[in-house]
N, C-alpha and C. Protein backbone atom coordinates (compact mmCIF):
# COMPACT_ATOMS: atom_id res chain seq x y z
N UNK A 1 6.48 -8.41 -30.71
CA UNK A 1 7.64 -8.08 -31.40
C UNK A 1 8.81 -8.54 -30.56
N UNK A 2 9.82 -9.23 -31.17
CA UNK A 2 10.89 -9.81 -30.40
C UNK A 2 11.97 -8.73 -30.28
N UNK A 3 12.73 -8.87 -29.09
CA UNK A 3 13.80 -7.85 -28.75
C UNK A 3 14.91 -8.04 -29.78
N UNK A 4 15.49 -6.89 -30.17
CA UNK A 4 16.70 -6.84 -31.07
C UNK A 4 17.92 -6.62 -30.21
N UNK A 5 19.01 -7.25 -30.60
CA UNK A 5 20.32 -7.04 -29.86
C UNK A 5 21.33 -6.62 -30.75
N UNK A 6 22.27 -5.87 -30.20
CA UNK A 6 23.54 -5.46 -30.80
C UNK A 6 24.73 -5.70 -29.88
N UNK A 7 25.55 -6.57 -30.42
CA UNK A 7 26.95 -6.70 -29.64
C UNK A 7 27.94 -5.95 -30.29
N UNK A 8 28.51 -5.10 -29.58
CA UNK A 8 29.51 -4.18 -30.10
C UNK A 8 30.84 -4.28 -29.32
N UNK A 9 31.93 -4.18 -30.07
CA UNK A 9 33.24 -4.15 -29.37
C UNK A 9 33.72 -2.59 -29.39
N UNK A 10 34.24 -2.19 -28.24
CA UNK A 10 34.76 -0.90 -28.10
C UNK A 10 33.65 0.16 -28.00
N UNK A 11 32.50 -0.22 -27.32
CA UNK A 11 31.41 0.77 -27.19
C UNK A 11 31.56 1.77 -26.10
N UNK A 12 32.84 1.88 -25.51
CA UNK A 12 32.97 2.71 -24.35
C UNK A 12 33.36 4.21 -24.77
N UNK A 13 33.71 4.42 -25.95
CA UNK A 13 34.09 5.77 -26.45
C UNK A 13 34.24 5.87 -28.01
N UNK A 14 34.28 7.00 -28.34
CA UNK A 14 34.47 7.29 -29.90
C UNK A 14 33.31 6.79 -30.76
N UNK A 15 33.68 6.21 -31.88
CA UNK A 15 32.64 5.75 -32.83
C UNK A 15 31.81 4.66 -32.12
N UNK A 16 32.51 3.70 -31.33
CA UNK A 16 31.65 2.67 -30.78
C UNK A 16 30.56 3.17 -29.88
N UNK A 17 30.95 4.25 -29.07
CA UNK A 17 29.97 4.89 -28.16
C UNK A 17 28.81 5.48 -28.99
N UNK A 18 29.17 6.25 -30.06
CA UNK A 18 28.08 6.81 -30.89
C UNK A 18 27.15 5.65 -31.46
N UNK A 19 27.71 4.57 -31.82
CA UNK A 19 26.93 3.47 -32.45
C UNK A 19 26.06 2.94 -31.36
N UNK A 20 26.56 2.73 -30.18
CA UNK A 20 25.79 2.32 -29.03
C UNK A 20 24.54 3.22 -28.77
N UNK A 21 24.78 4.53 -28.76
CA UNK A 21 23.70 5.52 -28.54
C UNK A 21 22.68 5.37 -29.61
N UNK A 22 23.13 5.24 -30.94
CA UNK A 22 22.13 5.18 -32.00
C UNK A 22 21.21 3.98 -31.89
N UNK A 23 21.91 2.78 -31.55
CA UNK A 23 21.07 1.69 -31.47
C UNK A 23 20.14 1.55 -30.26
N UNK A 24 20.60 2.25 -29.21
CA UNK A 24 19.72 2.38 -28.03
C UNK A 24 18.50 3.24 -28.27
N UNK A 25 18.70 4.23 -29.09
CA UNK A 25 17.53 5.09 -29.59
C UNK A 25 16.59 4.18 -30.45
N UNK A 26 17.09 3.19 -31.06
CA UNK A 26 16.29 2.40 -31.94
C UNK A 26 15.76 1.22 -31.18
N UNK A 27 15.81 1.24 -29.81
CA UNK A 27 15.36 0.28 -28.92
C UNK A 27 16.01 -1.05 -28.98
N UNK A 28 17.23 -1.18 -29.33
CA UNK A 28 18.02 -2.39 -29.25
C UNK A 28 18.63 -2.57 -27.86
N UNK A 29 18.76 -3.89 -27.51
CA UNK A 29 19.54 -4.12 -26.26
C UNK A 29 20.92 -4.18 -26.71
N UNK A 30 21.79 -3.23 -26.21
CA UNK A 30 23.15 -3.15 -26.59
C UNK A 30 24.06 -3.84 -25.50
N UNK A 31 24.94 -4.70 -26.11
CA UNK A 31 25.99 -5.49 -25.32
C UNK A 31 27.35 -5.04 -25.71
N UNK A 32 28.03 -4.42 -24.75
CA UNK A 32 29.44 -3.82 -25.16
C UNK A 32 30.51 -4.83 -24.67
N UNK A 33 31.36 -5.22 -25.48
CA UNK A 33 32.56 -5.98 -25.09
C UNK A 33 33.77 -5.13 -25.34
N UNK A 34 34.37 -4.77 -24.20
CA UNK A 34 35.59 -3.86 -24.20
C UNK A 34 36.31 -3.87 -22.89
N UNK A 35 37.47 -3.27 -22.88
CA UNK A 35 38.31 -3.29 -21.62
C UNK A 35 37.63 -2.22 -20.70
N UNK A 36 36.99 -1.15 -21.33
CA UNK A 36 36.40 -0.18 -20.49
C UNK A 36 34.93 -0.18 -20.57
N UNK A 37 34.31 0.25 -19.50
CA UNK A 37 32.78 0.14 -19.46
C UNK A 37 32.12 1.36 -20.34
N UNK A 38 30.99 1.03 -20.96
CA UNK A 38 30.34 2.04 -21.69
C UNK A 38 29.65 2.89 -20.63
N UNK A 39 29.67 4.24 -20.72
CA UNK A 39 28.99 5.12 -19.76
C UNK A 39 27.51 5.12 -19.88
N UNK A 40 26.88 4.61 -20.85
CA UNK A 40 25.46 4.65 -21.07
C UNK A 40 24.69 3.65 -20.13
N UNK A 41 23.72 4.07 -19.50
CA UNK A 41 23.03 3.30 -18.47
C UNK A 41 22.34 1.99 -18.93
N UNK A 42 21.82 1.96 -20.10
CA UNK A 42 21.11 0.86 -20.46
C UNK A 42 21.90 -0.23 -21.18
N UNK A 43 23.19 -0.02 -21.30
CA UNK A 43 24.09 -0.95 -21.99
C UNK A 43 24.58 -2.08 -20.98
N UNK A 44 24.56 -3.35 -21.52
CA UNK A 44 25.11 -4.43 -20.74
C UNK A 44 26.57 -4.44 -21.05
N UNK A 45 27.45 -4.34 -20.07
CA UNK A 45 28.85 -4.23 -20.28
C UNK A 45 29.53 -5.67 -19.85
N UNK A 46 30.34 -6.06 -20.88
CA UNK A 46 31.11 -7.30 -20.55
C UNK A 46 32.63 -6.82 -20.71
N UNK A 47 33.20 -6.58 -19.55
CA UNK A 47 34.54 -6.02 -19.60
C UNK A 47 35.61 -7.06 -19.84
N UNK A 48 36.31 -6.98 -20.99
CA UNK A 48 37.24 -8.03 -21.44
C UNK A 48 38.22 -7.52 -22.47
N UNK A 49 39.34 -8.04 -22.55
CA UNK A 49 40.45 -7.58 -23.55
C UNK A 49 40.41 -8.63 -24.61
N UNK A 50 39.80 -8.20 -25.81
CA UNK A 50 39.74 -9.09 -26.86
C UNK A 50 41.05 -9.58 -27.45
N UNK A 51 42.11 -9.02 -27.06
CA UNK A 51 43.49 -9.42 -27.57
C UNK A 51 43.99 -10.51 -26.68
N UNK A 52 43.38 -10.88 -25.58
CA UNK A 52 43.83 -11.98 -24.65
C UNK A 52 43.44 -13.30 -25.29
N UNK A 53 44.44 -14.20 -25.40
CA UNK A 53 44.27 -15.51 -25.80
C UNK A 53 43.21 -16.25 -25.02
N UNK A 54 42.26 -16.86 -25.62
CA UNK A 54 41.18 -17.64 -24.89
C UNK A 54 40.02 -16.84 -24.50
N UNK A 55 39.97 -15.52 -24.82
CA UNK A 55 38.98 -14.71 -24.25
C UNK A 55 37.54 -15.11 -24.66
N UNK A 56 37.41 -15.69 -25.89
CA UNK A 56 36.07 -16.09 -26.30
C UNK A 56 35.68 -17.31 -25.52
N UNK A 57 36.50 -18.23 -25.04
CA UNK A 57 36.17 -19.32 -24.17
C UNK A 57 35.61 -18.77 -22.86
N UNK A 58 36.33 -17.77 -22.30
CA UNK A 58 35.95 -17.19 -21.04
C UNK A 58 34.48 -16.50 -21.18
N UNK A 59 34.31 -15.84 -22.28
CA UNK A 59 33.07 -15.26 -22.55
C UNK A 59 31.91 -16.25 -22.56
N UNK A 60 32.10 -17.32 -23.25
CA UNK A 60 31.08 -18.35 -23.30
C UNK A 60 30.75 -18.95 -21.98
N UNK A 61 31.73 -19.13 -21.15
CA UNK A 61 31.61 -19.74 -19.80
C UNK A 61 30.81 -18.64 -18.90
N UNK A 62 31.14 -17.43 -19.06
CA UNK A 62 30.59 -16.36 -18.15
C UNK A 62 29.11 -16.00 -18.54
N UNK A 63 28.86 -15.94 -19.80
CA UNK A 63 27.57 -15.45 -20.34
C UNK A 63 26.62 -16.57 -20.39
N UNK A 64 27.02 -17.75 -20.95
CA UNK A 64 26.08 -18.90 -21.09
C UNK A 64 25.03 -18.61 -22.14
N UNK A 65 23.82 -18.92 -21.75
CA UNK A 65 22.71 -18.71 -22.68
C UNK A 65 22.02 -17.37 -22.47
N UNK A 66 22.13 -16.46 -23.39
CA UNK A 66 21.75 -15.11 -23.17
C UNK A 66 20.20 -15.04 -22.92
N UNK A 67 19.47 -16.11 -23.45
CA UNK A 67 17.95 -16.05 -23.25
C UNK A 67 17.60 -16.33 -21.74
N UNK A 68 18.62 -16.79 -20.92
CA UNK A 68 18.28 -17.05 -19.55
C UNK A 68 18.72 -15.79 -18.67
N UNK A 69 19.23 -14.74 -19.30
CA UNK A 69 19.68 -13.62 -18.48
C UNK A 69 18.56 -12.63 -18.31
N UNK A 70 18.55 -11.81 -17.27
CA UNK A 70 17.50 -10.89 -17.03
C UNK A 70 17.67 -9.59 -17.89
N UNK A 71 16.68 -8.84 -18.05
CA UNK A 71 16.75 -7.63 -18.87
C UNK A 71 17.43 -6.57 -17.90
N UNK A 72 17.97 -5.46 -18.68
CA UNK A 72 18.53 -4.42 -17.88
C UNK A 72 20.03 -4.39 -17.90
N UNK A 73 20.65 -3.46 -17.17
CA UNK A 73 22.06 -3.29 -17.20
C UNK A 73 22.76 -4.33 -16.26
N UNK A 74 23.98 -4.70 -16.77
CA UNK A 74 24.68 -5.63 -16.01
C UNK A 74 26.07 -5.35 -16.32
N UNK A 75 27.06 -5.96 -15.59
CA UNK A 75 28.53 -5.77 -15.75
C UNK A 75 29.19 -7.02 -15.49
N UNK A 76 29.98 -7.49 -16.42
CA UNK A 76 30.83 -8.76 -16.14
C UNK A 76 32.23 -8.46 -16.39
N UNK A 77 33.26 -8.79 -15.57
CA UNK A 77 34.54 -8.52 -15.80
C UNK A 77 35.33 -9.83 -16.22
N UNK A 78 35.96 -9.80 -17.34
CA UNK A 78 36.74 -10.96 -17.83
C UNK A 78 38.17 -10.60 -18.31
N UNK A 79 38.78 -9.68 -17.64
CA UNK A 79 40.19 -9.24 -17.80
C UNK A 79 41.07 -10.15 -17.06
N UNK A 80 42.20 -10.46 -17.65
CA UNK A 80 43.18 -11.41 -16.90
C UNK A 80 43.62 -10.67 -15.64
N UNK A 81 43.99 -11.49 -14.68
CA UNK A 81 44.40 -11.02 -13.41
C UNK A 81 45.83 -10.70 -13.31
């Protein structure tokens, strides 16, 4: 069976956090894109501000091919300096 993925924005609190928990329980690999880190252990966090111009290009450069990444938790910071 192949791994299922959920990419969520704003998974660090509120409804986004609840959705992240729900999909973790269903054995998805959850990837959170937000300014704040998701507190759940098994979530891959990509810390970024989606309102920043060019953020999608920074994301592509930083993440590359997700099939080449290792399983488990990780954290990437893509906020402007």
